[in-house]
Amino acid sequence: VESAAPTVLTASEVEPSQSGSRLYVRQRIARIQQGGLKEGRDILEQLLAQAGTESGEAYAAVQLELGNWYQWNGEYRRAAEHYTQVDAALRAAGRAELVEQWLGEPAELPDNRRFQVHAAARPSLAPGTVTARFAVDERGRVDNIEVLALPADQPAHEGRVRRMLVGTHFRPRFVSGSAEAVAAVERSYRLVADAATGRRSPAARCLAGG
C-alpha cells in the first residue's frame, strides 16, 4: 500500500454563497482531509489484522505503512507509535538488521523507492540530475538546503529545487523508537520532463530516482 496525498478540495465542492468565507473553506478542507486520513487508516488497519503479529516482517511492513500514512498527514505522535512497533516487530522476528535499513535514515514519502539516489554511491551522475544537501528534523521537516549541483543547461532551477524539498514529506530517522534530526542529508535526483510542457522540472511530482 502506497501513501497518498490527502484529498484536495475542488472549486465545485464550495457552495457559491459560502465561497467567500475563508473560515468555511478551511473547515471544508479539514473535513475532507480528515476523511481521507480515516479511510487510509482503516484500510491499513485491516491489512494489519490480516497479517497478524506472528507474521513478523509482514506485520512490521504494514506498521511501517501506517506510520508513513500518519507522518504524511502530520500526525507525528501516532506515526512515531507505529515506527516503534516496526522496531519491536522486526527484533522479535529476528530481523534486527532491517531496522536500520527501514528506519535508519530520513526517507521521502511516499516511500516507493523512486526517490532515493545516493550521490556517494554514484560518483558519475547521469545528465539531468540535481544534488542537494539539507537537514531533516525530528518531524521530517527540511531546512538548511544547499543545492550542490544542477544540470549545466538548467541553472535557474535552484529556487525550484529548494521549494520542492521544503514541500516534500519526509519520514525522519528513528533510533530505538525515537525520532532523531539529521543535520546533513545528501541526495541526488533525476529531473524528468513535464508531460504538459516537455520541460524538465524539479517539481515534487516529477522527481524520480535515477
C-alpha atoms as a PDB file:
ATOM      1  CA  VAL A   1       0.000   0.000   0.000  1.00  0.00           C
ATOM      2  CA  GLU A   2       1.493   3.365  -1.006  1.00  0.00           C
ATOM      3  CA  SER A   3       0.947   6.536   0.950  1.00  0.00           C
ATOM      4  CA  ALA A   4      -1.023   9.120  -0.958  1.00  0.00           C
ATOM      5  CA  ALA A   5      -1.593  12.823  -0.710  1.00  0.00           C
ATOM      6  CA  PRO A   6      -4.669  13.992   1.234  1.00  0.00           C
ATOM      7  CA  THR A   7      -7.735  14.756  -0.872  1.00  0.00           C
ATOM      8  CA  VAL A   8      -7.696  18.322  -2.182  1.00  0.00           C
ATOM      9  CA  LEU A   9     -10.812  20.491  -2.126  1.00  0.00           C
ATOM     10  CA  THR A  10     -12.046  21.398  -5.602  1.00  0.00           C
ATOM     11  CA  ALA A  11     -13.847  24.584  -6.546  1.00  0.00           C
ATOM     12  CA  SER A  12     -17.047  22.650  -7.298  1.00  0.00           C
ATOM     13  CA  GLU A  13     -17.251  21.492  -3.683  1.00  0.00           C
ATOM     14  CA  VAL A  14     -17.565  25.022  -2.329  1.00  0.00           C
ATOM     15  CA  GLU A  15     -21.084  26.436  -2.429  1.00  0.00           C
ATOM     16  CA  PRO A  16     -21.186  29.830  -4.251  1.00  0.00           C
ATOM     17  CA  SER A  17     -22.915  31.534  -1.332  1.00  0.00           C
ATOM     18  CA  GLN A  18     -20.153  30.403   1.015  1.00  0.00           C
ATOM     19  CA  SER A  19     -17.115  30.542  -1.250  1.00  0.00           C
ATOM     20  CA  GLY A  20     -16.102  33.952   0.062  1.00  0.00           C
ATOM     21  CA  SER A  21     -15.731  32.696   3.625  1.00  0.00           C
ATOM     22  CA  ARG A  22     -12.131  31.721   4.323  1.00  0.00           C
ATOM     23  CA  LEU A  23     -13.178  30.038   7.553  1.00  0.00           C
ATOM     24  CA  TYR A  24     -15.722  27.900   5.702  1.00  0.00           C
ATOM     25  CA  VAL A  25     -13.145  26.866   3.110  1.00  0.00           C
ATOM     26  CA  ARG A  26     -10.601  25.942   5.800  1.00  0.00           C
ATOM     27  CA  GLN A  27     -13.213  23.900   7.661  1.00  0.00           C
ATOM     28  CA  ARG A  28     -14.252  22.073   4.488  1.00  0.00           C
ATOM     29  CA  ILE A  29     -10.637  21.277   3.654  1.00  0.00           C
ATOM     30  CA  ALA A  30     -10.078  19.974   7.189  1.00  0.00           C
ATOM     31  CA  ARG A  31     -13.169  17.704   6.982  1.00  0.00           C
ATOM     32  CA  ILE A  32     -12.147  16.281   3.604  1.00  0.00           C
ATOM     33  CA  GLN A  33      -8.573  15.670   4.735  1.00  0.00           C
ATOM     34  CA  GLN A  34      -9.734  14.028   7.948  1.00  0.00           C
ATOM     35  CA  GLY A  35     -11.990  11.746   5.908  1.00  0.00           C
ATOM     36  CA  GLY A  36      -9.047  10.749   3.734  1.00  0.00           C
ATOM     37  CA  LEU A  37      -6.918  10.114   6.811  1.00  0.00           C
ATOM     38  CA  LYS A  38      -9.577   7.825   8.290  1.00  0.00           C
ATOM     39  CA  GLU A  39     -10.096   5.877   5.066  1.00  0.00           C
ATOM     40  CA  GLY A  40      -6.380   5.215   4.653  1.00  0.00           C
ATOM     41  CA  ARG A  41      -6.037   4.249   8.290  1.00  0.00           C
ATOM     42  CA  ASP A  42      -8.975   1.840   8.091  1.00  0.00           C
ATOM     43  CA  ILE A  43      -7.535   0.075   5.023  1.00  0.00           C
ATOM     44  CA  LEU A  44      -4.109  -0.291   6.613  1.00  0.00           C
ATOM     45  CA  GLU A  45      -5.532  -1.495   9.929  1.00  0.00           C
ATOM     46  CA  GLN A  46      -7.462  -4.193   8.067  1.00  0.00           C
ATOM     47  CA  LEU A  47      -4.223  -5.310   6.430  1.00  0.00           C
ATOM     48  CA  LEU A  48      -2.524  -5.260   9.822  1.00  0.00           C
ATOM     49  CA  ALA A  49      -5.196  -7.532  11.279  1.00  0.00           C
ATOM     50  CA  GLN A  50      -4.833  -9.918   8.333  1.00  0.00           C
ATOM     51  CA  ALA A  51      -1.058 -10.034   8.719  1.00  0.00           C
ATOM     52  CA  GLY A  52      -1.192 -10.837  12.440  1.00  0.00           C
ATOM     53  CA  THR A  53       1.659 -10.306  14.869  1.00  0.00           C
ATOM     54  CA  GLU A  54       3.039 -13.783  14.233  1.00  0.00           C
ATOM     55  CA  SER A  55       3.883 -12.881  10.623  1.00  0.00           C
ATOM     56  CA  GLY A  56       6.875 -10.869  11.808  1.00  0.00           C
ATOM     57  CA  GLU A  57       8.309  -8.979   8.850  1.00  0.00           C
ATOM     58  CA  ALA A  58       4.949  -8.689   7.057  1.00  0.00           C
ATOM     59  CA  TYR A  59       3.356  -7.279  10.198  1.00  0.00           C
ATOM     60  CA  ALA A  60       6.236  -4.805  10.560  1.00  0.00           C
ATOM     61  CA  ALA A  61       5.850  -3.746   6.923  1.00  0.00           C
ATOM     62  CA  VAL A  62       2.206  -2.796   7.448  1.00  0.00           C
ATOM     63  CA  GLN A  63       3.114  -0.985  10.663  1.00  0.00           C
ATOM     64  CA  LEU A  64       5.660   0.968   8.607  1.00  0.00           C
ATOM     65  CA  GLU A  65       2.981   1.951   6.100  1.00  0.00           C
ATOM     66  CA  LEU A  66       0.686   3.058   8.928  1.00  0.00           C
ATOM     67  CA  GLY A  67       3.487   5.179  10.338  1.00  0.00           C
ATOM     68  CA  ASN A  68       4.133   6.654   6.912  1.00  0.00           C
ATOM     69  CA  TRP A  69       0.434   7.409   6.472  1.00  0.00           C
ATOM     70  CA  TYR A  70       0.245   9.297   9.765  1.00  0.00           C
ATOM     71  CA  GLN A  71       3.553  11.047   9.061  1.00  0.00           C
ATOM     72  CA  TRP A  72       2.264  12.198   5.660  1.00  0.00           C
ATOM     73  CA  ASN A  73      -0.833  13.609   7.325  1.00  0.00           C
ATOM     74  CA  GLY A  74       1.072  15.446  10.058  1.00  0.00           C
ATOM     75  CA  GLU A  75       0.052  13.082  12.865  1.00  0.00           C
ATOM     76  CA  TYR A  76       3.606  12.835  14.191  1.00  0.00           C
ATOM     77  CA  ARG A  77       2.873  11.270  17.579  1.00  0.00           C
ATOM     78  CA  ARG A  78       0.794   8.483  16.040  1.00  0.00           C
ATOM     79  CA  ALA A  79       3.405   7.967  13.340  1.00  0.00           C
ATOM     80  CA  ALA A  80       6.107   7.546  15.988  1.00  0.00           C
ATOM     81  CA  GLU A  81       3.996   4.938  17.795  1.00  0.00           C
ATOM     82  CA  HIS A  82       3.831   2.813  14.649  1.00  0.00           C
ATOM     83  CA  TYR A  83       7.526   3.222  13.877  1.00  0.00           C
ATOM     84  CA  THR A  84       8.244   1.986  17.407  1.00  0.00           C
ATOM     85  CA  GLN A  85       6.105  -1.072  16.636  1.00  0.00           C
ATOM     86  CA  VAL A  86       8.145  -1.637  13.466  1.00  0.00           C
ATOM     87  CA  ASP A  87      11.336  -1.731  15.527  1.00  0.00           C
ATOM     88  CA  ALA A  88       9.843  -4.122  18.082  1.00  0.00           C
ATOM     89  CA  ALA A  89       8.275  -6.454  15.500  1.00  0.00           C
ATOM     90  CA  LEU A  90      11.457  -6.794  13.453  1.00  0.00           C
ATOM     91  CA  ARG A  91      13.596  -7.507  16.501  1.00  0.00           C
ATOM     92  CA  ALA A  92      11.081 -10.064  17.774  1.00  0.00           C
ATOM     93  CA  ALA A  93      11.156 -11.760  14.362  1.00  0.00           C
ATOM     94  CA  GLY A  94      14.949 -11.957  14.392  1.00  0.00           C
ATOM     95  CA  ARG A  95      15.277  -9.362  11.627  1.00  0.00           C
ATOM     96  CA  ALA A  96      17.039  -6.608  13.571  1.00  0.00           C
ATOM     97  CA  GLU A  97      19.192  -5.820  10.532  1.00  0.00           C
ATOM     98  CA  LEU A  98      16.093  -4.444   8.797  1.00  0.00           C
ATOM     99  CA  VAL A  99      15.541  -1.802  11.487  1.00  0.00           C
ATOM    100  CA  GLU A 100      18.491   0.251  10.240  1.00  0.00           C
ATOM    101  CA  GLN A 101      17.571  -0.402   6.616  1.00  0.00           C
ATOM    102  CA  TRP A 102      13.965   0.730   7.064  1.00  0.00           C
ATOM    103  CA  LEU A 103      14.291   3.478   9.665  1.00  0.00           C
ATOM    104  CA  GLY A 104      17.974   4.371   9.873  1.00  0.00           C
ATOM    105  CA  GLU A 105      17.841   7.451   7.644  1.00  0.00           C
ATOM    106  CA  PRO A 106      15.274  10.038   6.530  1.00  0.00           C
ATOM    107  CA  ALA A 107      13.108   8.895   3.639  1.00  0.00           C
ATOM    108  CA  GLU A 108      10.942  10.798   1.207  1.00  0.00           C
ATOM    109  CA  LEU A 109       7.254   9.921   1.318  1.00  0.00           C
ATOM    110  CA  PRO A 110       5.577   8.125  -0.286  1.00  0.00           C
ATOM    111  CA  ASP A 111       8.352   5.606   0.328  1.00  0.00           C
ATOM    112  CA  ASN A 112       8.016   3.918  -3.075  1.00  0.00           C
ATOM    113  CA  ARG A 113      11.772   3.525  -3.727  1.00  0.00           C
ATOM    114  CA  ARG A 114      11.597   6.013  -6.623  1.00  0.00           C
ATOM    115  CA  PHE A 115      13.168   8.956  -4.825  1.00  0.00           C
ATOM    116  CA  GLN A 116      16.482   7.867  -3.368  1.00  0.00           C
ATOM    117  CA  VAL A 117      19.721   8.159  -5.295  1.00  0.00           C
ATOM    118  CA  HIS A 118      22.805   8.427  -3.102  1.00  0.00           C
ATOM    119  CA  ALA A 119      25.457  10.665  -4.607  1.00  0.00           C
ATOM    120  CA  ALA A 120      28.208   8.810  -2.733  1.00  0.00           C
ATOM    121  CA  ALA A 121      27.234   5.589  -4.478  1.00  0.00           C
ATOM    122  CA  ARG A 122      27.130   7.247  -7.903  1.00  0.00           C
ATOM    123  CA  PRO A 123      30.244   9.340  -8.457  1.00  0.00           C
ATOM    124  CA  SER A 124      29.321   9.932 -12.083  1.00  0.00           C
ATOM    125  CA  LEU A 125      25.767  11.201 -12.100  1.00  0.00           C
ATOM    126  CA  ALA A 126      23.618  10.903 -15.188  1.00  0.00           C
ATOM    127  CA  PRO A 127      22.711  14.036 -17.153  1.00  0.00           C
ATOM    128  CA  GLY A 128      19.706  15.920 -15.809  1.00  0.00           C
ATOM    129  CA  THR A 129      20.366  15.309 -12.121  1.00  0.00           C
ATOM    130  CA  VAL A 130      20.410  17.725  -9.215  1.00  0.00           C
ATOM    131  CA  THR A 131      22.256  17.179  -5.942  1.00  0.00           C
ATOM    132  CA  ALA A 132      21.346  18.851  -2.674  1.00  0.00           C
ATOM    133  CA  ARG A 133      22.366  18.720   0.969  1.00  0.00           C
ATOM    134  CA  PHE A 134      19.841  19.555   3.694  1.00  0.00           C
ATOM    135  CA  ALA A 135      18.765  18.891   7.270  1.00  0.00           C
ATOM    136  CA  VAL A 136      15.710  16.854   8.272  1.00  0.00           C
ATOM    137  CA  ASP A 137      14.373  17.476  11.777  1.00  0.00           C
ATOM    138  CA  GLU A 138      12.529  15.139  14.168  1.00  0.00           C
ATOM    139  CA  ARG A 139       9.217  15.869  12.450  1.00  0.00           C
ATOM    140  CA  GLY A 140      10.515  15.302   8.941  1.00  0.00           C
ATOM    141  CA  ARG A 141      10.768  18.993   8.051  1.00  0.00           C
ATOM    142  CA  VAL A 142      13.538  20.117   5.700  1.00  0.00           C
ATOM    143  CA  ASP A 143      15.833  23.056   6.455  1.00  0.00           C
ATOM    144  CA  ASN A 144      19.307  24.431   5.641  1.00  0.00           C
ATOM    145  CA  ILE A 145      19.069  23.456   1.982  1.00  0.00           C
ATOM    146  CA  GLU A 146      22.212  23.739  -0.112  1.00  0.00           C
ATOM    147  CA  VAL A 147      21.976  22.936  -3.818  1.00  0.00           C
ATOM    148  CA  LEU A 148      25.315  21.373  -4.727  1.00  0.00           C
ATOM    149  CA  ALA A 149      24.877  20.599  -8.415  1.00  0.00           C
ATOM    150  CA  LEU A 150      22.456  21.469 -11.206  1.00  0.00           C
ATOM    151  CA  PRO A 151      22.366  20.474 -14.881  1.00  0.00           C
ATOM    152  CA  ALA A 152      24.511  22.899 -16.885  1.00  0.00           C
ATOM    153  CA  ASP A 153      21.538  23.844 -19.062  1.00  0.00           C
ATOM    154  CA  GLN A 154      19.168  24.404 -16.126  1.00  0.00           C
ATOM    155  CA  PRO A 155      20.925  26.851 -13.744  1.00  0.00           C
ATOM    156  CA  ALA A 156      17.672  28.644 -12.916  1.00  0.00           C
ATOM    157  CA  HIS A 157      16.202  25.574 -11.200  1.00  0.00           C
ATOM    158  CA  GLU A 158      17.918  26.171  -7.845  1.00  0.00           C
ATOM    159  CA  GLY A 159      14.981  28.040  -6.305  1.00  0.00           C
ATOM    160  CA  ARG A 160      12.514  25.450  -7.564  1.00  0.00           C
ATOM    161  CA  VAL A 161      14.615  22.618  -6.150  1.00  0.00           C
ATOM    162  CA  ARG A 162      14.575  24.352  -2.771  1.00  0.00           C
ATOM    163  CA  ARG A 163      10.805  24.779  -2.893  1.00  0.00           C
ATOM    164  CA  MET A 164      10.344  21.153  -3.918  1.00  0.00           C
ATOM    165  CA  LEU A 165      12.386  19.910  -0.974  1.00  0.00           C
ATOM    166  CA  VAL A 166      10.569  22.138   1.513  1.00  0.00           C
ATOM    167  CA  GLY A 167       7.273  20.743   0.192  1.00  0.00           C
ATOM    168  CA  THR A 168       8.360  17.090   0.330  1.00  0.00           C
ATOM    169  CA  HIS A 169       7.129  14.930   3.204  1.00  0.00           C
ATOM    170  CA  PHE A 170       9.997  13.100   4.910  1.00  0.00           C
ATOM    171  CA  ARG A 171       9.992  10.305   7.443  1.00  0.00           C
ATOM    172  CA  PRO A 172      12.685  11.234   9.982  1.00  0.00           C
ATOM    173  CA  ARG A 173      15.431   8.904  11.125  1.00  0.00           C
ATOM    174  CA  PHE A 174      14.328   6.671  14.006  1.00  0.00           C
ATOM    175  CA  VAL A 175      16.686   5.156  16.567  1.00  0.00           C
ATOM    176  CA  SER A 176      15.344   2.858  19.314  1.00  0.00           C
ATOM    177  CA  GLY A 177      11.839   4.108  18.646  1.00  0.00           C
ATOM    178  CA  SER A 178      12.709   7.817  18.862  1.00  0.00           C
ATOM    179  CA  ALA A 179      12.886  10.303  16.004  1.00  0.00           C
ATOM    180  CA  GLU A 180      16.244  11.988  15.507  1.00  0.00           C
ATOM    181  CA  ALA A 181      17.239  15.030  13.488  1.00  0.00           C
ATOM    182  CA  VAL A 182      19.860  14.557  10.779  1.00  0.00           C
ATOM    183  CA  ALA A 183      21.943  17.642  10.054  1.00  0.00           C
ATOM    184  CA  ALA A 184      23.347  16.671   6.660  1.00  0.00           C
ATOM    185  CA  VAL A 185      21.349  14.532   4.227  1.00  0.00           C
ATOM    186  CA  GLU A 186      22.814  14.476   0.714  1.00  0.00           C
ATOM    187  CA  ARG A 187      20.649  13.268  -2.154  1.00  0.00           C
ATOM    188  CA  SER A 188      20.668  13.404  -5.929  1.00  0.00           C
ATOM    189  CA  TYR A 189      17.518  13.391  -8.024  1.00  0.00           C
ATOM    190  CA  ARG A 190      16.940  12.978 -11.725  1.00  0.00           C
ATOM    191  CA  LEU A 191      14.838  15.624 -13.424  1.00  0.00           C
ATOM    192  CA  VAL A 192      12.099  14.279 -15.673  1.00  0.00           C
ATOM    193  CA  ALA A 193      10.106  16.035 -18.361  1.00  0.00           C
ATOM    194  CA  ASP A 194       6.803  17.649 -17.518  1.00  0.00           C
ATOM    195  CA  ALA A 195       4.113  15.953 -19.629  1.00  0.00           C
ATOM    196  CA  ALA A 196       2.367  19.228 -20.402  1.00  0.00           C
ATOM    197  CA  THR A 197       5.333  21.437 -21.322  1.00  0.00           C
ATOM    198  CA  GLY A 198       8.089  18.967 -22.184  1.00  0.00           C
ATOM    199  CA  ARG A 199      10.445  20.946 -19.953  1.00  0.00           C
ATOM    200  CA  ARG A 200      12.458  19.268 -17.237  1.00  0.00           C
ATOM    201  CA  SER A 201      11.191  20.188 -13.843  1.00  0.00           C
ATOM    202  CA  PRO A 202      12.198  19.575 -10.225  1.00  0.00           C
ATOM    203  CA  ALA A 203       8.579  19.717  -9.028  1.00  0.00           C
ATOM    204  CA  ALA A 204       7.857  17.134  -6.349  1.00  0.00           C
ATOM    205  CA  ARG A 205       5.557  15.100  -8.606  1.00  0.00           C
ATOM    206  CA  CYS A 206       8.208  14.942 -11.340  1.00  0.00           C
ATOM    207  CA  LEU A 207      11.145  13.677  -9.330  1.00  0.00           C
ATOM    208  CA  ALA A 208      12.297  10.115  -9.628  1.00  0.00           C
ATOM    209  CA  GLY A 209      15.321   8.190  -8.562  1.00  0.00           C
ATOM    210  CA  GLY A 210      17.813   7.555 -11.344  1.00  0.00           C
END
